[in-house]
Amino acid sequence: MTTIKIRTAHLAEVPDLLAFWSRAAEGTSITDDEAGVSRLIERDPEALIVAELDGLLVGTVIAGWDGWRASLYRLAVLPSHRRQGISKTLLAAAEQRFVALGGRRGDAMVLEDNERARHAWAAAGYGREDHWRRWTKPLT
């Protein structure tokens, strides 16, 4: 049996990560470009966690910590590798990171229309908070 390798992303992988998300993730973000992902890795080299299986990128999660909130983004697994425990392993790594940094609650961004993701987050122990809504304003 092959073991999933969990590690942090490297700057040289940014184009591969963007291509991976176009295949494995739902929706896009204003920061889904080389400059945005590179800034993330440069600012917090441990935030973007990847899963590899036999050298193939099969999953990602961004575990962002700002000293106040433990925020989770871009939990994605290749469709051909879903339901094999990869997202569970990625979330465990993210949660360990948060606990080590003093985080007390993981806060996941989940697209409202992504039913598969909502089920996955619920199965991982995350609960929806209907009394909150995200408010955004593009800065550029």
N, C-alpha and C. Protein backbone atom coordinates (compact mmCIF):
# COMPACT_ATOMS: atom_id res chain seq x y z
N MET A 1 0.84 -1.19 0.00
CA MET A 1 0.00 0.00 0.00
C MET A 1 0.88 1.24 0.00
N THR A 2 0.53 2.21 -0.81
CA THR A 2 1.28 3.44 -0.91
C THR A 2 0.82 4.41 0.16
N THR A 3 1.78 5.13 0.73
CA THR A 3 1.48 6.09 1.78
C THR A 3 1.33 7.48 1.20
N ILE A 4 0.36 8.21 1.70
CA ILE A 4 0.17 9.59 1.31
C ILE A 4 1.27 10.42 1.97
N LYS A 5 1.95 11.22 1.18
CA LYS A 5 2.98 12.11 1.70
C LYS A 5 2.36 13.50 1.86
N ILE A 6 2.45 14.05 3.07
CA ILE A 6 1.95 15.38 3.36
C ILE A 6 3.15 16.31 3.53
N ARG A 7 3.11 17.45 2.84
CA ARG A 7 4.21 18.41 2.92
C ARG A 7 3.68 19.79 2.56
N THR A 8 4.52 20.78 2.69
CA THR A 8 4.12 22.13 2.29
C THR A 8 4.49 22.37 0.83
N ALA A 9 3.78 23.28 0.22
CA ALA A 9 4.01 23.61 -1.19
C ALA A 9 5.25 24.47 -1.34
N HIS A 10 5.82 24.45 -2.54
CA HIS A 10 7.01 25.23 -2.88
C HIS A 10 6.66 26.22 -3.99
N LEU A 11 7.38 27.33 -4.02
CA LEU A 11 7.13 28.35 -5.05
C LEU A 11 7.17 27.80 -6.46
N ALA A 12 8.08 26.90 -6.72
CA ALA A 12 8.22 26.35 -8.08
C ALA A 12 6.97 25.59 -8.53
N GLU A 13 6.12 25.20 -7.59
CA GLU A 13 4.93 24.42 -7.90
C GLU A 13 3.69 25.26 -8.21
N VAL A 14 3.78 26.55 -8.10
CA VAL A 14 2.60 27.40 -8.24
C VAL A 14 1.82 27.12 -9.53
N PRO A 15 2.45 27.05 -10.69
CA PRO A 15 1.67 26.73 -11.90
C PRO A 15 0.96 25.37 -11.80
N ASP A 16 1.63 24.38 -11.23
CA ASP A 16 1.02 23.06 -11.07
C ASP A 16 -0.15 23.11 -10.10
N LEU A 17 -0.04 23.91 -9.04
CA LEU A 17 -1.14 24.04 -8.09
C LEU A 17 -2.36 24.68 -8.74
N LEU A 18 -2.14 25.71 -9.53
CA LEU A 18 -3.25 26.36 -10.22
C LEU A 18 -3.92 25.40 -11.20
N ALA A 19 -3.14 24.61 -11.91
CA ALA A 19 -3.70 23.62 -12.83
C ALA A 19 -4.46 22.54 -12.05
N PHE A 20 -3.91 22.14 -10.92
CA PHE A 20 -4.57 21.15 -10.07
C PHE A 20 -5.94 21.66 -9.62
N TRP A 21 -5.99 22.90 -9.13
CA TRP A 21 -7.26 23.46 -8.66
C TRP A 21 -8.29 23.57 -9.77
N SER A 22 -7.84 23.82 -11.00
CA SER A 22 -8.80 23.90 -12.11
C SER A 22 -9.45 22.54 -12.36
N ARG A 23 -8.78 21.45 -11.99
CA ARG A 23 -9.33 20.10 -12.16
C ARG A 23 -10.05 19.61 -10.92
N ALA A 24 -9.57 19.98 -9.74
CA ALA A 24 -10.03 19.34 -8.50
C ALA A 24 -10.88 20.22 -7.59
N ALA A 25 -10.86 21.52 -7.78
CA ALA A 25 -11.57 22.43 -6.87
C ALA A 25 -12.78 23.04 -7.56
N GLU A 26 -13.75 23.41 -6.76
CA GLU A 26 -14.94 24.10 -7.26
C GLU A 26 -14.73 25.60 -7.09
N GLY A 27 -15.16 26.37 -8.07
CA GLY A 27 -15.10 27.81 -7.96
C GLY A 27 -13.69 28.37 -8.08
N THR A 28 -13.63 29.67 -8.20
CA THR A 28 -12.35 30.35 -8.29
C THR A 28 -12.37 31.54 -7.33
N SER A 29 -11.20 32.07 -7.10
CA SER A 29 -11.04 33.21 -6.21
C SER A 29 -10.27 34.28 -6.95
N ILE A 30 -10.39 35.49 -6.48
CA ILE A 30 -9.65 36.62 -7.08
C ILE A 30 -8.13 36.42 -6.94
N THR A 31 -7.72 35.58 -6.01
CA THR A 31 -6.29 35.33 -5.78
C THR A 31 -5.79 34.06 -6.47
N ASP A 32 -6.60 33.47 -7.32
CA ASP A 32 -6.19 32.26 -8.04
C ASP A 32 -5.35 32.63 -9.26
N ASP A 33 -4.16 33.13 -8.98
CA ASP A 33 -3.20 33.41 -10.03
C ASP A 33 -1.80 33.22 -9.44
N GLU A 34 -0.81 33.24 -10.31
CA GLU A 34 0.55 32.97 -9.84
C GLU A 34 1.00 33.96 -8.77
N ALA A 35 0.66 35.23 -8.95
CA ALA A 35 1.08 36.24 -7.97
C ALA A 35 0.43 35.99 -6.61
N GLY A 36 -0.86 35.68 -6.61
CA GLY A 36 -1.57 35.46 -5.35
C GLY A 36 -1.06 34.25 -4.59
N VAL A 37 -0.89 33.13 -5.28
CA VAL A 37 -0.43 31.91 -4.62
C VAL A 37 1.03 32.06 -4.19
N SER A 38 1.83 32.72 -5.01
CA SER A 38 3.23 32.96 -4.64
C SER A 38 3.32 33.81 -3.37
N ARG A 39 2.50 34.85 -3.28
CA ARG A 39 2.49 35.69 -2.08
C ARG A 39 2.15 34.88 -0.84
N LEU A 40 1.16 34.00 -0.97
CA LEU A 40 0.79 33.15 0.16
C LEU A 40 1.98 32.33 0.64
N ILE A 41 2.65 31.65 -0.29
CA ILE A 41 3.78 30.78 0.08
C ILE A 41 4.93 31.61 0.65
N GLU A 42 5.19 32.77 0.07
CA GLU A 42 6.28 33.62 0.58
C GLU A 42 5.96 34.15 1.97
N ARG A 43 4.73 34.55 2.22
CA ARG A 43 4.35 35.13 3.50
C ARG A 43 4.27 34.06 4.59
N ASP A 44 3.72 32.89 4.26
CA ASP A 44 3.53 31.82 5.24
C ASP A 44 3.84 30.49 4.57
N PRO A 45 5.12 30.11 4.56
CA PRO A 45 5.54 28.92 3.83
C PRO A 45 4.90 27.61 4.29
N GLU A 46 4.27 27.59 5.46
CA GLU A 46 3.65 26.36 5.95
C GLU A 46 2.14 26.32 5.74
N ALA A 47 1.57 27.36 5.13
CA ALA A 47 0.12 27.45 5.01
C ALA A 47 -0.47 26.55 3.94
N LEU A 48 0.20 26.38 2.83
CA LEU A 48 -0.36 25.59 1.73
C LEU A 48 0.19 24.17 1.85
N ILE A 49 -0.69 23.28 2.26
CA ILE A 49 -0.33 21.88 2.52
C ILE A 49 -0.79 21.04 1.34
N VAL A 50 0.09 20.18 0.87
CA VAL A 50 -0.25 19.32 -0.26
C VAL A 50 -0.12 17.84 0.12
N ALA A 51 -0.87 17.03 -0.59
CA ALA A 51 -0.79 15.58 -0.45
C ALA A 51 -0.28 15.01 -1.76
N GLU A 52 0.68 14.10 -1.66
CA GLU A 52 1.23 13.42 -2.83
C GLU A 52 1.05 11.92 -2.66
N LEU A 53 0.84 11.26 -3.76
CA LEU A 53 0.76 9.81 -3.80
C LEU A 53 1.62 9.36 -4.97
N ASP A 54 2.69 8.67 -4.68
CA ASP A 54 3.63 8.23 -5.72
C ASP A 54 4.09 9.40 -6.59
N GLY A 55 4.35 10.55 -5.96
CA GLY A 55 4.84 11.72 -6.67
C GLY A 55 3.78 12.55 -7.36
N LEU A 56 2.53 12.10 -7.34
CA LEU A 56 1.42 12.81 -7.98
C LEU A 56 0.73 13.70 -6.95
N LEU A 57 0.51 14.96 -7.29
CA LEU A 57 -0.24 15.86 -6.44
C LEU A 57 -1.70 15.42 -6.46
N VAL A 58 -2.22 15.01 -5.29
CA VAL A 58 -3.59 14.49 -5.23
C VAL A 58 -4.50 15.32 -4.34
N GLY A 59 -3.94 16.25 -3.54
CA GLY A 59 -4.79 17.04 -2.67
C GLY A 59 -4.09 18.26 -2.12
N THR A 60 -4.91 19.24 -1.72
CA THR A 60 -4.39 20.46 -1.11
C THR A 60 -5.35 20.96 -0.04
N VAL A 61 -4.80 21.75 0.87
CA VAL A 61 -5.60 22.57 1.77
C VAL A 61 -4.73 23.76 2.15
N ILE A 62 -5.35 24.92 2.23
CA ILE A 62 -4.66 26.10 2.74
C ILE A 62 -5.10 26.26 4.18
N ALA A 63 -4.12 26.25 5.08
CA ALA A 63 -4.35 26.39 6.51
C ALA A 63 -3.78 27.74 6.94
N GLY A 64 -4.57 28.78 6.75
CA GLY A 64 -4.12 30.14 7.03
C GLY A 64 -4.31 30.52 8.49
N TRP A 65 -3.28 31.06 9.09
CA TRP A 65 -3.31 31.48 10.49
C TRP A 65 -2.84 32.92 10.55
N ASP A 66 -3.68 33.80 11.06
CA ASP A 66 -3.31 35.21 11.16
C ASP A 66 -3.06 35.65 12.59
N GLY A 67 -2.97 34.69 13.49
CA GLY A 67 -2.78 35.00 14.90
C GLY A 67 -4.09 35.12 15.65
N TRP A 68 -5.19 35.13 14.92
CA TRP A 68 -6.52 35.28 15.50
C TRP A 68 -7.44 34.14 15.05
N ARG A 69 -7.44 33.90 13.74
CA ARG A 69 -8.32 32.87 13.19
C ARG A 69 -7.52 31.79 12.45
N ALA A 70 -8.05 30.59 12.52
CA ALA A 70 -7.51 29.45 11.80
C ALA A 70 -8.44 29.19 10.62
N SER A 71 -8.05 29.66 9.44
CA SER A 71 -8.92 29.63 8.27
C SER A 71 -8.49 28.56 7.28
N LEU A 72 -9.46 27.83 6.78
CA LEU A 72 -9.22 26.74 5.84
C LEU A 72 -9.82 27.08 4.48
N TYR A 73 -9.00 26.91 3.47
CA TYR A 73 -9.39 27.18 2.09
C TYR A 73 -8.84 26.09 1.19
N ARG A 74 -9.40 25.97 0.02
CA ARG A 74 -8.89 25.13 -1.06
C ARG A 74 -8.62 23.68 -0.65
N LEU A 75 -9.53 23.12 0.16
CA LEU A 75 -9.48 21.68 0.38
C LEU A 75 -9.96 21.05 -0.91
N ALA A 76 -9.07 20.37 -1.59
CA ALA A 76 -9.40 19.78 -2.89
C ALA A 76 -8.64 18.47 -3.04
N VAL A 77 -9.31 17.50 -3.64
CA VAL A 77 -8.71 16.20 -3.93
C VAL A 77 -9.05 15.84 -5.37
N LEU A 78 -8.07 15.31 -6.08
CA LEU A 78 -8.33 14.86 -7.46
C LEU A 78 -9.56 13.96 -7.48
N PRO A 79 -10.46 14.18 -8.43
CA PRO A 79 -11.66 13.33 -8.49
C PRO A 79 -11.35 11.83 -8.51
N SER A 80 -10.28 11.43 -9.17
CA SER A 80 -9.93 10.01 -9.26
C SER A 80 -9.40 9.44 -7.94
N HIS A 81 -9.12 10.32 -6.96
CA HIS A 81 -8.55 9.87 -5.70
C HIS A 81 -9.43 10.20 -4.49
N ARG A 82 -10.66 10.58 -4.74
CA ARG A 82 -11.56 10.90 -3.64
C ARG A 82 -12.00 9.64 -2.91
N ARG A 83 -12.45 9.83 -1.68
CA ARG A 83 -12.97 8.76 -0.82
C ARG A 83 -11.89 7.74 -0.47
N GLN A 84 -10.66 8.25 -0.35
CA GLN A 84 -9.54 7.41 0.06
C GLN A 84 -8.85 7.94 1.31
N GLY A 85 -9.46 8.91 1.98
CA GLY A 85 -8.90 9.46 3.21
C GLY A 85 -7.93 10.61 3.02
N ILE A 86 -7.79 11.11 1.80
CA ILE A 86 -6.82 12.17 1.54
C ILE A 86 -7.25 13.48 2.20
N SER A 87 -8.51 13.86 2.07
CA SER A 87 -8.94 15.10 2.71
C SER A 87 -8.87 14.99 4.23
N LYS A 88 -9.17 13.84 4.76
CA LYS A 88 -9.05 13.61 6.22
C LYS A 88 -7.60 13.79 6.68
N THR A 89 -6.67 13.28 5.91
CA THR A 89 -5.25 13.40 6.24
C THR A 89 -4.79 14.85 6.13
N LEU A 90 -5.24 15.55 5.08
CA LEU A 90 -4.90 16.96 4.92
C LEU A 90 -5.47 17.80 6.07
N LEU A 91 -6.72 17.55 6.44
CA LEU A 91 -7.33 18.32 7.53
C LEU A 91 -6.64 18.03 8.86
N ALA A 92 -6.22 16.82 9.08
CA ALA A 92 -5.49 16.50 10.30
C ALA A 92 -4.19 17.30 10.37
N ALA A 93 -3.49 17.41 9.25
CA ALA A 93 -2.25 18.20 9.21
C ALA A 93 -2.54 19.67 9.46
N ALA A 94 -3.60 20.19 8.85
CA ALA A 94 -3.97 21.60 9.05
C ALA A 94 -4.35 21.85 10.51
N GLU A 95 -5.13 20.96 11.08
CA GLU A 95 -5.57 21.13 12.46
C GLU A 95 -4.39 21.04 13.43
N GLN A 96 -3.44 20.15 13.16
CA GLN A 96 -2.24 20.06 14.00
C GLN A 96 -1.46 21.38 13.92
N ARG A 97 -1.38 21.95 12.75
CA ARG A 97 -0.70 23.24 12.58
C ARG A 97 -1.38 24.30 13.43
N PHE A 98 -2.69 24.37 13.34
CA PHE A 98 -3.42 25.38 14.08
C PHE A 98 -3.25 25.24 15.59
N VAL A 99 -3.35 24.02 16.09
CA VAL A 99 -3.20 23.79 17.53
C VAL A 99 -1.80 24.21 17.98
N ALA A 100 -0.78 23.88 17.20
CA ALA A 100 0.59 24.26 17.55
C ALA A 100 0.77 25.77 17.59
N LEU A 101 0.00 26.49 16.78
CA LEU A 101 0.09 27.95 16.73
C LEU A 101 -0.83 28.65 17.72
N GLY A 102 -1.66 27.89 18.41
CA GLY A 102 -2.59 28.48 19.38
C GLY A 102 -4.01 28.63 18.89
N GLY A 103 -4.31 28.08 17.73
CA GLY A 103 -5.67 28.17 17.19
C GLY A 103 -6.64 27.36 18.02
N ARG A 104 -7.87 27.85 18.11
CA ARG A 104 -8.88 27.18 18.91
C ARG A 104 -10.09 26.72 18.12
N ARG A 105 -10.20 27.14 16.86
CA ARG A 105 -11.33 26.73 16.04
C ARG A 105 -10.94 26.87 14.58
N GLY A 106 -11.21 25.83 13.81
CA GLY A 106 -11.00 25.90 12.37
C GLY A 106 -12.21 26.51 11.71
N ASP A 107 -11.99 27.38 10.76
CA ASP A 107 -13.05 28.11 10.07
C ASP A 107 -12.89 27.85 8.58
N ALA A 108 -13.81 27.08 7.99
CA ALA A 108 -13.69 26.67 6.59
C ALA A 108 -14.58 27.51 5.69
N MET A 109 -14.05 27.90 4.55
CA MET A 109 -14.82 28.57 3.51
C MET A 109 -15.35 27.47 2.58
N VAL A 110 -16.68 27.37 2.46
CA VAL A 110 -17.30 26.32 1.66
C VAL A 110 -18.33 26.96 0.74
N LEU A 111 -18.23 26.70 -0.54
CA LEU A 111 -19.21 27.22 -1.49
C LEU A 111 -20.60 26.68 -1.18
N GLU A 112 -21.55 27.55 -1.13
CA GLU A 112 -22.92 27.18 -0.78
C GLU A 112 -23.48 26.11 -1.71
N ASP A 113 -23.18 26.19 -2.99
CA ASP A 113 -23.75 25.24 -3.96
C ASP A 113 -22.95 23.95 -4.10
N ASN A 114 -21.85 23.82 -3.37
CA ASN A 114 -21.02 22.62 -3.50
C ASN A 114 -21.47 21.58 -2.48
N GLU A 115 -22.47 20.82 -2.87
CA GLU A 115 -23.06 19.82 -1.97
C GLU A 115 -22.04 18.78 -1.51
N ARG A 116 -21.20 18.32 -2.42
CA ARG A 116 -20.19 17.32 -2.07
C ARG A 116 -19.27 17.86 -0.97
N ALA A 117 -18.86 19.11 -1.12
CA ALA A 117 -17.97 19.72 -0.12
C ALA A 117 -18.68 19.88 1.22
N ARG A 118 -19.94 20.27 1.18
CA ARG A 118 -20.67 20.43 2.44
C ARG A 118 -20.74 19.11 3.19
N HIS A 119 -20.96 18.01 2.47
CA HIS A 119 -21.00 16.70 3.11
C HIS A 119 -19.63 16.31 3.66
N ALA A 120 -18.59 16.61 2.90
CA ALA A 120 -17.23 16.27 3.34
C ALA A 120 -16.85 17.04 4.61
N TRP A 121 -17.17 18.34 4.63
CA TRP A 121 -16.86 19.13 5.83
C TRP A 121 -17.65 18.64 7.03
N ALA A 122 -18.91 18.31 6.83
CA ALA A 122 -19.72 17.80 7.94
C ALA A 122 -19.16 16.48 8.45
N ALA A 123 -18.74 15.61 7.54
CA ALA A 123 -18.16 14.33 7.94
C ALA A 123 -16.86 14.52 8.72
N ALA A 124 -16.17 15.62 8.47
CA ALA A 124 -14.92 15.91 9.17
C ALA A 124 -15.16 16.60 10.52
N GLY A 125 -16.43 16.81 10.86
CA GLY A 125 -16.75 17.40 12.15
C GLY A 125 -17.00 18.90 12.15
N TYR A 126 -17.05 19.50 10.99
CA TYR A 126 -17.29 20.94 10.88
C TYR A 126 -18.79 21.18 10.75
N GLY A 127 -19.26 22.25 11.35
CA GLY A 127 -20.67 22.57 11.30
C GLY A 127 -20.91 23.94 10.70
N ARG A 128 -21.96 24.06 9.95
CA ARG A 128 -22.34 25.32 9.32
C ARG A 128 -22.86 26.30 10.37
N GLU A 129 -22.50 27.54 10.24
CA GLU A 129 -22.98 28.59 11.13
C GLU A 129 -23.85 29.54 10.31
N ASP A 130 -25.13 29.33 10.36
CA ASP A 130 -26.05 30.10 9.52
C ASP A 130 -26.19 31.56 9.94
N HIS A 131 -25.78 31.89 11.14
CA HIS A 131 -25.92 33.28 11.58
C HIS A 131 -24.79 34.18 11.07
N TRP A 132 -23.82 33.62 10.35
CA TRP A 132 -22.73 34.39 9.76
C TRP A 132 -22.89 34.43 8.25
N ARG A 133 -22.51 35.50 7.64
CA ARG A 133 -22.43 35.61 6.19
C ARG A 133 -21.13 36.31 5.86
N ARG A 134 -20.55 35.92 4.77
CA ARG A 134 -19.30 36.53 4.32
C ARG A 134 -19.61 37.80 3.54
N TRP A 135 -18.96 38.88 3.89
CA TRP A 135 -19.07 40.15 3.17
C TRP A 135 -17.72 40.42 2.53
N THR A 136 -17.72 40.76 1.26
CA THR A 136 -16.46 40.99 0.56
C THR A 136 -16.51 42.29 -0.22
N LYS A 137 -15.31 42.78 -0.51
CA LYS A 137 -15.17 43.96 -1.35
C LYS A 137 -13.84 43.81 -2.11
N PRO A 138 -13.87 43.71 -3.43
CA PRO A 138 -12.62 43.64 -4.18
C PRO A 138 -11.79 44.91 -3.93
N LEU A 139 -10.50 44.74 -3.73
CA LEU A 139 -9.61 45.87 -3.46
C LEU A 139 -8.84 46.30 -4.70
N THR A 140 -8.97 45.55 -5.78
CA THR A 140 -8.27 45.94 -7.01
C THR A 140 -9.23 45.91 -8.18
